[in-house]
Amino acid sequence: MKHRLLHEIIPVTTSHGCGTKRVLLAKEDTQTNLTQIAVTGLKQGERSEMHVHPTMEEVFLIRKGAVKICMETEETVCHADECICIAAGERHALEALTDAEILTIGCATE
């Protein structure tokens, strides 16, 4: 059993260089295809560059605030309690429209 308290996890900079994350569960903590479960914090105006994860699907549950998700051909704004799934291979970027907190779940597809 793994038991962690979110407030005790030290935030680290995300791999995209914007915002911070507190990793609740990492790939090495499980025997599943899960790559990570983390709570990501973004300050208003922070954004990631357009990028792609060829072999990982991402799910974002917006816990607080509002974020804009940009895809190749569309944009959508998500607010607290909304969830969005980005398929493996889909280019995407995120921008915090307000201070935001996102529960991020990554799962390997291969």
C-alpha atoms as a PDB file:
ATOM      1  CA  MET A   1       0.000   0.000   0.000  1.00  0.00           C
ATOM      2  CA  LYS A   2       1.185   3.506  -0.840  1.00  0.00           C
ATOM      3  CA  HIS A   3      -0.005   6.356   1.358  1.00  0.00           C
ATOM      4  CA  ARG A   4       1.005   9.961   0.758  1.00  0.00           C
ATOM      5  CA  LEU A   5      -0.168  13.318   2.043  1.00  0.00           C
ATOM      6  CA  LEU A   6      -0.314  15.896  -0.732  1.00  0.00           C
ATOM      7  CA  HIS A   7       0.702  18.790   1.511  1.00  0.00           C
ATOM      8  CA  GLU A   8       3.873  16.914   2.536  1.00  0.00           C
ATOM      9  CA  ILE A   9       5.122  16.355  -1.040  1.00  0.00           C
ATOM     10  CA  ILE A  10       7.763  18.863  -2.094  1.00  0.00           C
ATOM     11  CA  PRO A  11       6.788  20.583  -5.369  1.00  0.00           C
ATOM     12  CA  VAL A  12       9.204  20.257  -8.306  1.00  0.00           C
ATOM     13  CA  THR A  13       9.262  22.060 -11.648  1.00  0.00           C
ATOM     14  CA  THR A  14       7.342  20.222 -14.365  1.00  0.00           C
ATOM     15  CA  SER A  15       9.228  18.637 -17.267  1.00  0.00           C
ATOM     16  CA  HIS A  16       7.708  21.328 -19.509  1.00  0.00           C
ATOM     17  CA  GLY A  17       9.362  24.076 -17.470  1.00  0.00           C
ATOM     18  CA  CYS A  18       6.173  25.790 -16.361  1.00  0.00           C
ATOM     19  CA  GLY A  19       4.420  25.367 -13.063  1.00  0.00           C
ATOM     20  CA  THR A  20       5.190  22.907 -10.330  1.00  0.00           C
ATOM     21  CA  LYS A  21       3.938  19.429  -9.577  1.00  0.00           C
ATOM     22  CA  ARG A  22       3.612  17.230  -6.536  1.00  0.00           C
ATOM     23  CA  VAL A  23       3.927  13.614  -7.644  1.00  0.00           C
ATOM     24  CA  LEU A  24       1.512  11.334  -5.828  1.00  0.00           C
ATOM     25  CA  LEU A  25       2.418   8.192  -7.749  1.00  0.00           C
ATOM     26  CA  ALA A  26       5.325   7.654 -10.159  1.00  0.00           C
ATOM     27  CA  LYS A  27       5.903   4.970 -12.766  1.00  0.00           C
ATOM     28  CA  GLU A  28       8.288   3.110 -10.483  1.00  0.00           C
ATOM     29  CA  ASP A  29       5.660   2.982  -7.716  1.00  0.00           C
ATOM     30  CA  THR A  30       3.275   0.750  -9.679  1.00  0.00           C
ATOM     31  CA  GLN A  31       3.226  -2.330 -11.891  1.00  0.00           C
ATOM     32  CA  THR A  32       0.638  -0.825 -14.256  1.00  0.00           C
ATOM     33  CA  ASN A  33       0.961   1.313 -17.402  1.00  0.00           C
ATOM     34  CA  LEU A  34       0.494   4.401 -15.258  1.00  0.00           C
ATOM     35  CA  THR A  35       3.325   6.873 -15.813  1.00  0.00           C
ATOM     36  CA  GLN A  36       2.360   9.391 -13.155  1.00  0.00           C
ATOM     37  CA  ILE A  37      -0.362  10.907 -11.006  1.00  0.00           C
ATOM     38  CA  ALA A  38       0.490  14.431  -9.936  1.00  0.00           C
ATOM     39  CA  VAL A  39      -1.095  17.661  -8.810  1.00  0.00           C
ATOM     40  CA  THR A  40       0.182  20.467 -11.005  1.00  0.00           C
ATOM     41  CA  GLY A  41       0.058  24.106  -9.964  1.00  0.00           C
ATOM     42  CA  LEU A  42       0.151  26.887 -12.552  1.00  0.00           C
ATOM     43  CA  LYS A  43       0.201  30.627 -11.987  1.00  0.00           C
ATOM     44  CA  GLN A  44      -1.948  32.801 -14.233  1.00  0.00           C
ATOM     45  CA  GLY A  45      -0.180  33.257 -17.578  1.00  0.00           C
ATOM     46  CA  GLU A  46       2.076  30.212 -17.283  1.00  0.00           C
ATOM     47  CA  ARG A  47       1.917  27.907 -20.277  1.00  0.00           C
ATOM     48  CA  SER A  48       3.578  24.935 -21.825  1.00  0.00           C
ATOM     49  CA  GLU A  49       4.822  24.935 -25.382  1.00  0.00           C
ATOM     50  CA  MET A  50       3.020  22.796 -27.946  1.00  0.00           C
ATOM     51  CA  HIS A  51       4.280  19.242 -27.429  1.00  0.00           C
ATOM     52  CA  VAL A  52       3.333  15.610 -27.948  1.00  0.00           C
ATOM     53  CA  HIS A  53       3.604  12.379 -25.992  1.00  0.00           C
ATOM     54  CA  PRO A  54       3.752   9.648 -28.657  1.00  0.00           C
ATOM     55  CA  THR A  55       3.119   6.779 -26.229  1.00  0.00           C
ATOM     56  CA  MET A  56       1.291   8.389 -23.314  1.00  0.00           C
ATOM     57  CA  GLU A  57      -2.321   9.411 -22.826  1.00  0.00           C
ATOM     58  CA  GLU A  58      -2.947  12.275 -20.398  1.00  0.00           C
ATOM     59  CA  VAL A  59      -6.015  13.065 -18.340  1.00  0.00           C
ATOM     60  CA  PHE A  60      -6.411  16.471 -16.712  1.00  0.00           C
ATOM     61  CA  LEU A  61      -8.951  17.122 -13.961  1.00  0.00           C
ATOM     62  CA  ILE A  62      -9.071  20.828 -13.268  1.00  0.00           C
ATOM     63  CA  ARG A  63      -9.328  21.192  -9.480  1.00  0.00           C
ATOM     64  CA  LYS A  64      -9.116  24.978  -9.262  1.00  0.00           C
ATOM     65  CA  GLY A  65      -9.061  27.866 -11.709  1.00  0.00           C
ATOM     66  CA  ALA A  66      -9.291  27.885 -15.500  1.00  0.00           C
ATOM     67  CA  VAL A  67      -6.926  26.623 -18.201  1.00  0.00           C
ATOM     68  CA  LYS A  68      -6.952  26.805 -21.966  1.00  0.00           C
ATOM     69  CA  ILE A  69      -6.048  23.574 -23.739  1.00  0.00           C
ATOM     70  CA  CYS A  70      -4.722  24.173 -27.249  1.00  0.00           C
ATOM     71  CA  MET A  71      -4.687  21.388 -29.817  1.00  0.00           C
ATOM     72  CA  GLU A  72      -3.530  21.494 -33.443  1.00  0.00           C
ATOM     73  CA  THR A  73      -6.950  22.590 -34.721  1.00  0.00           C
ATOM     74  CA  GLU A  74      -8.981  23.563 -31.660  1.00  0.00           C
ATOM     75  CA  GLU A  75      -8.886  25.259 -28.279  1.00  0.00           C
ATOM     76  CA  THR A  76     -11.060  24.702 -25.243  1.00  0.00           C
ATOM     77  CA  VAL A  77     -11.284  26.369 -21.861  1.00  0.00           C
ATOM     78  CA  CYS A  78     -11.722  24.116 -18.846  1.00  0.00           C
ATOM     79  CA  HIS A  79     -12.766  25.210 -15.356  1.00  0.00           C
ATOM     80  CA  ALA A  80     -12.803  23.559 -11.931  1.00  0.00           C
ATOM     81  CA  ASP A  81     -14.368  20.083 -11.934  1.00  0.00           C
ATOM     82  CA  GLU A  82     -13.944  19.621 -15.704  1.00  0.00           C
ATOM     83  CA  CYS A  83     -11.913  16.753 -17.107  1.00  0.00           C
ATOM     84  CA  ILE A  84     -10.206  16.445 -20.484  1.00  0.00           C
ATOM     85  CA  CYS A  85      -8.321  13.538 -22.037  1.00  0.00           C
ATOM     86  CA  ILE A  86      -5.466  14.011 -24.506  1.00  0.00           C
ATOM     87  CA  ALA A  87      -4.818  10.930 -26.632  1.00  0.00           C
ATOM     88  CA  ALA A  88      -1.281   9.688 -27.226  1.00  0.00           C
ATOM     89  CA  GLY A  89       0.163  11.414 -30.264  1.00  0.00           C
ATOM     90  CA  GLU A  90      -2.054  14.546 -30.002  1.00  0.00           C
ATOM     91  CA  ARG A  91      -0.034  17.780 -29.988  1.00  0.00           C
ATOM     92  CA  HIS A  92      -1.198  20.053 -27.201  1.00  0.00           C
ATOM     93  CA  ALA A  93      -0.334  22.976 -24.940  1.00  0.00           C
ATOM     94  CA  LEU A  94      -1.829  24.369 -21.735  1.00  0.00           C
ATOM     95  CA  GLU A  95      -2.175  27.951 -20.566  1.00  0.00           C
ATOM     96  CA  ALA A  96      -3.340  29.029 -17.123  1.00  0.00           C
ATOM     97  CA  LEU A  97      -6.025  31.708 -17.496  1.00  0.00           C
ATOM     98  CA  THR A  98      -6.093  32.064 -13.701  1.00  0.00           C
ATOM     99  CA  ASP A  99      -4.027  30.461 -10.974  1.00  0.00           C
ATOM    100  CA  ALA A 100      -4.899  26.803 -11.456  1.00  0.00           C
ATOM    101  CA  GLU A 101      -4.465  23.368  -9.951  1.00  0.00           C
ATOM    102  CA  ILE A 102      -4.755  20.256 -12.102  1.00  0.00           C
ATOM    103  CA  LEU A 103      -4.801  16.590 -11.212  1.00  0.00           C
ATOM    104  CA  THR A 104      -2.704  15.057 -14.000  1.00  0.00           C
ATOM    105  CA  ILE A 105      -2.782  11.349 -14.816  1.00  0.00           C
ATOM    106  CA  GLY A 106      -0.473   9.854 -17.436  1.00  0.00           C
ATOM    107  CA  CYS A 107      -0.787   6.341 -18.809  1.00  0.00           C
ATOM    108  CA  ALA A 108       1.552   4.607 -21.247  1.00  0.00           C
ATOM    109  CA  THR A 109      -0.095   3.189 -24.342  1.00  0.00           C
ATOM    110  CA  GLU A 110       2.759   0.852 -25.265  1.00  0.00           C
END
